[in-house]
Protein backbone atom coordinates (compact mmCIF):
# COMPACT_ATOMS: atom_id res chain seq x y z
CA MET A 1 -16.01 -91.30 6.14
CA PRO A 2 -16.20 -90.02 2.53
CA LYS A 3 -13.70 -87.33 1.61
CA SER A 4 -16.53 -85.03 0.55
CA THR A 5 -18.05 -85.25 4.04
CA VAL A 6 -14.72 -84.50 5.72
CA THR A 7 -14.21 -81.54 3.39
CA LEU A 8 -17.68 -80.18 4.22
CA PHE A 9 -17.02 -80.45 7.97
CA LEU A 10 -13.70 -78.64 7.62
CA PHE A 11 -15.31 -75.92 5.48
CA CYS A 12 -18.08 -75.38 8.07
CA PHE A 13 -15.55 -75.19 10.89
CA LEU A 14 -13.37 -72.70 9.01
CA LEU A 15 -16.34 -70.50 8.12
CA GLN A 16 -17.55 -70.57 11.72
CA ALA A 17 -14.13 -69.47 12.93
CA LEU A 18 -14.04 -66.60 10.44
CA VAL A 19 -17.60 -65.34 10.99
CA HIS A 20 -18.27 -65.88 14.67
CA ASN A 21 -16.62 -64.48 17.73
CA PRO A 22 -14.79 -67.39 19.36
CA ALA A 23 -15.96 -68.79 22.65
CA HIS A 24 -14.29 -67.02 25.53
CA ALA A 25 -11.37 -69.10 26.76
CA GLN A 26 -11.42 -68.36 30.46
CA TYR A 27 -10.89 -70.31 33.62
CA TRP A 28 -14.21 -71.50 34.97
CA TRP A 29 -13.62 -69.91 38.38
CA ASN A 30 -13.17 -66.37 37.04
CA ALA A 31 -15.42 -66.45 33.96
CA SER A 32 -18.39 -64.11 34.14
CA ARG A 33 -21.71 -65.40 35.46
CA GLU A 34 -23.31 -61.96 35.62
CA SER A 35 -26.77 -61.14 34.30
CA ALA A 36 -26.95 -60.18 30.64
CA GLY A 37 -30.02 -58.02 31.28
CA LEU A 38 -32.29 -60.11 29.06
CA ALA A 39 -34.85 -61.29 31.61
CA PRO A 40 -37.77 -59.17 32.88
CA ASP A 41 -37.45 -58.11 36.51
CA PRO A 42 -39.81 -60.34 38.51
CA ALA A 43 -40.32 -57.51 41.01
CA THR A 44 -42.05 -55.44 38.34
CA THR A 45 -43.37 -58.18 36.06
CA PRO A 46 -46.24 -60.09 37.68
CA GLU A 47 -47.16 -62.20 34.62
CA ALA A 48 -45.89 -65.73 34.11
CA ILE A 49 -42.79 -66.08 31.93
CA ILE A 50 -40.95 -68.89 30.18
CA GLN A 51 -37.59 -68.21 28.54
CA VAL A 52 -35.28 -70.66 26.78
CA TYR A 53 -31.66 -69.56 26.60
CA GLY A 54 -28.60 -70.71 24.74
CA ALA A 55 -24.94 -69.72 24.97
CA LYS A 56 -21.73 -71.03 23.53
CA ALA A 57 -20.52 -73.98 25.56
CA TYR A 58 -17.60 -73.46 27.92
CA SER A 59 -14.01 -73.51 26.65
CA TRP A 60 -13.18 -75.36 23.36
CA ARG A 61 -16.68 -76.84 23.26
CA GLY A 62 -17.99 -73.43 22.27
CA TYR A 63 -16.47 -73.79 18.82
CA PHE A 64 -18.79 -76.72 18.17
CA GLY A 65 -22.02 -76.11 20.03
CA ILE A 66 -24.09 -74.40 22.67
CA HIS A 67 -25.44 -75.06 26.14
CA THR A 68 -29.18 -74.50 26.62
CA TRP A 69 -31.44 -74.05 29.63
CA ILE A 70 -35.00 -73.06 30.54
CA ALA A 71 -35.99 -70.37 33.04
CA VAL A 72 -39.54 -70.00 34.33
CA LYS A 73 -41.40 -67.59 36.59
CA PRO A 74 -44.98 -68.37 37.56
CA THR A 75 -47.53 -65.59 37.97
CA GLN A 76 -46.64 -63.27 40.88
CA ALA A 77 -43.44 -65.23 41.62
CA LYS A 78 -40.53 -63.14 42.90
CA ASN A 79 -37.75 -65.22 41.35
CA TYR A 80 -36.95 -67.53 38.46
CA THR A 81 -36.43 -71.28 38.51
CA VAL A 82 -33.80 -72.57 36.10
CA TYR A 83 -33.85 -76.07 34.60
CA GLU A 84 -30.66 -77.41 33.05
CA VAL A 85 -28.30 -80.37 32.90
CA ILE A 86 -24.83 -79.93 34.43
CA GLY A 87 -22.42 -82.63 33.28
CA TRP A 88 -19.88 -82.43 36.09
CA LEU A 89 -22.51 -83.50 38.63
CA GLN A 90 -22.16 -87.00 37.20
CA ARG A 91 -18.63 -87.20 38.62
CA ARG A 92 -20.11 -86.90 42.09
CA LYS A 93 -22.64 -89.63 41.26
CA MET A 94 -25.42 -87.06 41.52
CA SER A 95 -28.32 -86.37 39.20
CA VAL A 96 -27.17 -84.18 36.32
CA VAL A 97 -30.57 -82.46 36.30
CA SER A 98 -30.31 -79.16 38.13
CA ILE A 99 -33.51 -77.36 39.21
CA HIS A 100 -32.68 -74.27 41.19
CA SER A 101 -33.51 -70.63 41.82
CA ASP A 102 -31.04 -68.57 39.84
CA GLY A 103 -30.60 -65.62 37.53
CA PRO A 104 -32.18 -66.76 34.28
CA ASP A 105 -29.95 -64.77 31.93
CA ARG A 106 -26.50 -65.13 33.44
CA TYR A 107 -23.47 -65.48 31.21
CA TRP A 108 -22.52 -69.10 30.67
CA TYR A 109 -18.96 -68.96 32.00
CA GLY A 110 -18.08 -65.86 30.03
CA ASN A 111 -20.31 -66.48 27.02
CA LEU A 112 -23.22 -64.16 26.28
CA PRO A 113 -26.61 -65.93 26.31
CA GLN A 114 -29.40 -65.32 23.85
CA VAL A 115 -33.12 -65.87 24.18
CA LEU A 116 -34.22 -68.72 21.91
CA LEU A 117 -37.88 -68.59 22.96
CA GLU A 118 -40.14 -66.55 25.23
CA LYS A 119 -43.72 -67.13 26.36
CA ARG A 120 -45.69 -64.78 28.60
CA GLY A 121 -49.14 -64.25 30.04
CA ASP A 122 -52.25 -66.38 29.81
CA ASN A 123 -51.88 -70.17 29.96
CA VAL A 124 -48.15 -69.97 30.68
CA ASP A 125 -48.56 -71.21 34.25
CA ALA A 126 -49.98 -74.48 32.89
CA LEU A 127 -46.96 -74.83 30.60
CA ILE A 128 -44.62 -74.22 33.54
CA GLU A 129 -46.22 -77.14 35.38
CA LYS A 130 -45.69 -79.37 32.34
CA ILE A 131 -42.05 -78.25 32.09
CA ASP A 132 -41.48 -79.16 35.74
CA GLN A 133 -43.07 -82.58 35.30
CA ALA A 134 -41.02 -83.30 32.18
CA ALA A 135 -37.76 -82.22 33.82
CA ARG A 136 -38.36 -84.51 36.78
CA SER A 137 -39.09 -87.48 34.51
CA TYR A 138 -35.96 -87.07 32.34
CA PRO A 139 -34.71 -90.61 31.70
CA TYR A 140 -30.99 -89.76 31.63
CA SER A 141 -30.77 -87.99 34.97
CA HIS A 142 -27.67 -90.02 35.91
CA HIS A 143 -26.13 -90.27 32.48
CA TYR A 144 -24.20 -87.54 30.67
CA ARG A 145 -22.02 -87.58 27.59
CA ILE A 146 -20.82 -84.46 25.74
CA TRP A 147 -21.12 -86.11 22.34
CA PRO A 148 -23.40 -87.30 20.85
CA GLY A 149 -25.53 -87.16 23.99
CA PRO A 150 -27.37 -87.34 26.25
CA ASN A 151 -26.27 -83.87 27.32
CA SER A 152 -27.76 -80.49 28.24
CA ASN A 153 -29.39 -80.09 24.83
CA THR A 154 -30.87 -83.59 25.00
CA PHE A 155 -32.54 -82.49 28.22
CA ILE A 156 -34.08 -79.34 26.73
CA ALA A 157 -35.25 -81.32 23.68
CA TRP A 158 -36.87 -83.86 26.04
CA ILE A 159 -38.80 -81.07 27.74
CA SER A 160 -39.74 -79.49 24.42
CA ARG A 161 -41.15 -82.78 23.12
CA ALA A 162 -43.21 -83.08 26.30
CA VAL A 163 -44.46 -79.49 25.98
CA PRO A 164 -45.15 -79.07 22.24
CA GLU A 165 -47.05 -75.85 22.95
CA LEU A 166 -43.64 -74.18 23.24
CA GLU A 167 -42.90 -74.87 19.54
CA LEU A 168 -39.21 -74.60 20.37
CA ASP A 169 -36.90 -74.70 17.36
CA LEU A 170 -33.47 -75.52 18.76
CA PRO A 171 -30.62 -74.33 16.52
CA PRO A 172 -28.42 -76.87 14.72
CA THR A 173 -25.58 -75.96 17.07
CA ALA A 174 -27.50 -77.54 19.96
CA ILE A 175 -25.58 -80.79 19.56
CA GLY A 176 -27.35 -83.58 21.44
CA LYS A 177 -30.88 -82.37 20.70
CA ASP A 178 -31.33 -85.31 18.31
CA TYR A 179 -30.26 -87.99 20.78
CA LEU A 180 -33.21 -90.34 21.31
CA GLY A 181 -31.78 -93.48 22.81
CA TRP A 182 -34.24 -96.32 22.31
CA PRO A 183 -36.62 -96.42 20.46
CA PHE A 184 -35.08 -94.68 17.46
CA ILE A 185 -38.31 -92.97 16.41
CA SER A 186 -40.01 -90.04 18.13
CA GLN A 187 -41.39 -86.58 17.61
CA ALA A 188 -38.96 -83.89 16.47
CA PRO A 189 -37.43 -81.84 19.32
CA SER A 190 -40.18 -79.23 18.90
CA GLY A 191 -42.80 -81.88 19.70
CA HIS A 192 -44.18 -81.58 16.15
CA GLY A 193 -43.53 -83.74 13.12
CA GLY A 194 -41.39 -86.86 13.30
CA GLN A 195 -37.80 -87.93 13.71
CA PHE A 196 -35.63 -91.01 13.67
CA SER A 197 -32.15 -91.01 15.15
CA ILE A 198 -29.66 -93.77 15.90
CA PHE A 199 -28.22 -92.62 19.22
CA GLY A 200 -27.78 -89.08 17.89
CA LEU A 201 -25.22 -90.22 15.30
CA PHE A 202 -27.40 -90.57 12.23
CA GLY A 203 -30.98 -89.59 11.52
CA ALA A 204 -33.43 -87.14 10.01
CA LEU A 205 -36.49 -85.13 10.96
CA VAL A 206 -39.39 -83.41 9.24
CA SER A 207 -41.47 -80.88 11.15
CA PRO A 208 -43.59 -77.79 10.51
CA VAL A 209 -41.47 -76.04 13.17
CA GLU A 210 -37.92 -77.15 12.30
CA GLY A 211 -38.38 -77.89 8.61
CA PHE A 212 -36.15 -80.70 7.32
CA GLU A 213 -32.89 -81.75 8.95
CA VAL A 214 -30.36 -84.52 8.49
CA ASN A 215 -28.09 -85.52 11.37
CA LEU A 216 -24.65 -86.97 10.65
CA LEU A 217 -22.32 -87.83 13.52
CA GLY A 218 -24.24 -85.42 15.75
CA LEU A 219 -24.01 -82.52 13.28
CA ALA A 220 -27.25 -81.11 11.86
CA PHE A 221 -27.76 -79.95 8.28
CA GLY A 222 -31.18 -78.64 7.28
CA LEU A 223 -33.56 -76.43 5.38
CA ASP A 224 -36.48 -74.50 6.85
CA PRO A 225 -38.91 -72.99 4.30
CA ASN A 226 -40.56 -70.51 6.67
CA PRO A 227 -38.62 -68.27 6.48
CA LEU A 228 -36.24 -69.79 3.96
CA THR A 229 -33.24 -70.76 6.05
CA ILE A 230 -30.26 -73.07 5.67
CA LYS A 231 -29.03 -74.80 8.82
CA LEU A 232 -25.39 -75.80 9.16
CA PRO A 233 -23.23 -77.19 11.98
CA PHE A 234 -20.81 -74.78 13.67
CA ILE A 235 -22.42 -71.85 11.82
CA GLY A 236 -26.13 -72.21 12.60
CA ARG A 237 -28.87 -70.56 10.59
CA ILE A 238 -28.33 -68.62 7.37
CA ASN A 239 -31.48 -66.68 6.45
CA LEU A 240 -32.15 -66.65 2.71
CA SER A 241 -35.51 -64.90 2.92
CA PRO A 242 -35.86 -61.95 0.53
CA ILE A 243 -37.15 -59.76 3.37
CA ALA A 244 -33.88 -60.08 5.29
CA PRO A 245 -30.27 -59.72 4.16
CA ALA A 246 -28.34 -62.94 3.73
CA PHE A 247 -26.58 -64.02 6.91
CA SER A 248 -28.85 -61.72 8.96
CA SER A 249 -29.78 -64.44 11.39
CA MET A 250 -26.22 -65.49 12.07
CA ASN A 251 -25.21 -64.66 15.62
CA HIS A 252 -23.13 -65.88 18.51
CA ILE A 253 -25.03 -69.03 19.28
CA GLN A 254 -27.12 -70.09 16.33
């Protein structure tokens, strides 16, 4: 690997460590899984809801990337259904795709989640059906690899490509979102534009949703013109728009 590339990776990692709060290093059995209070109460919210969440990955992985999941509540439903990939299920020779009734906004083993996308109201029930169909047709249901994928972010990107109405723009810290397997060409994770990726290790995408991104060894570098934003691994999005202060979009998971 060129020295300039190694230097850039080290710089990004150092800046991430200085700017961000570190992932909470806790034991998995006592790390918080409580609600973060981000999801509408289904008892008082009859309309259909889709929310996409992300939180720093558990333990040391949180320094590098995030874990993402989708929560849905059809019209008049009294609870949420959560769709996500859980890697340890592979050890038991089970499907890594988990579809279960759960709190949609629970801490991810001590790490605060954030809402990456929300859809409500009319036509959302139809999108929920498409999400369910896509989740059940995920081609890597018995295959999981932290890096470069397929992993939990590969799963959410698969659903997003199948449901382009979501227009989901996964942050560059969602390592694995660019894993395509074969063939090497597809739509961008948002379901708009185009992308090529060689097993998530090298590739590029152009999309009206994500902008332009280059993927190198699973790490995403990019530029989004609307609003003007730089995307970097470890750090996430840096908003350069004149209507927002620099670094305003930097947060725990981006």
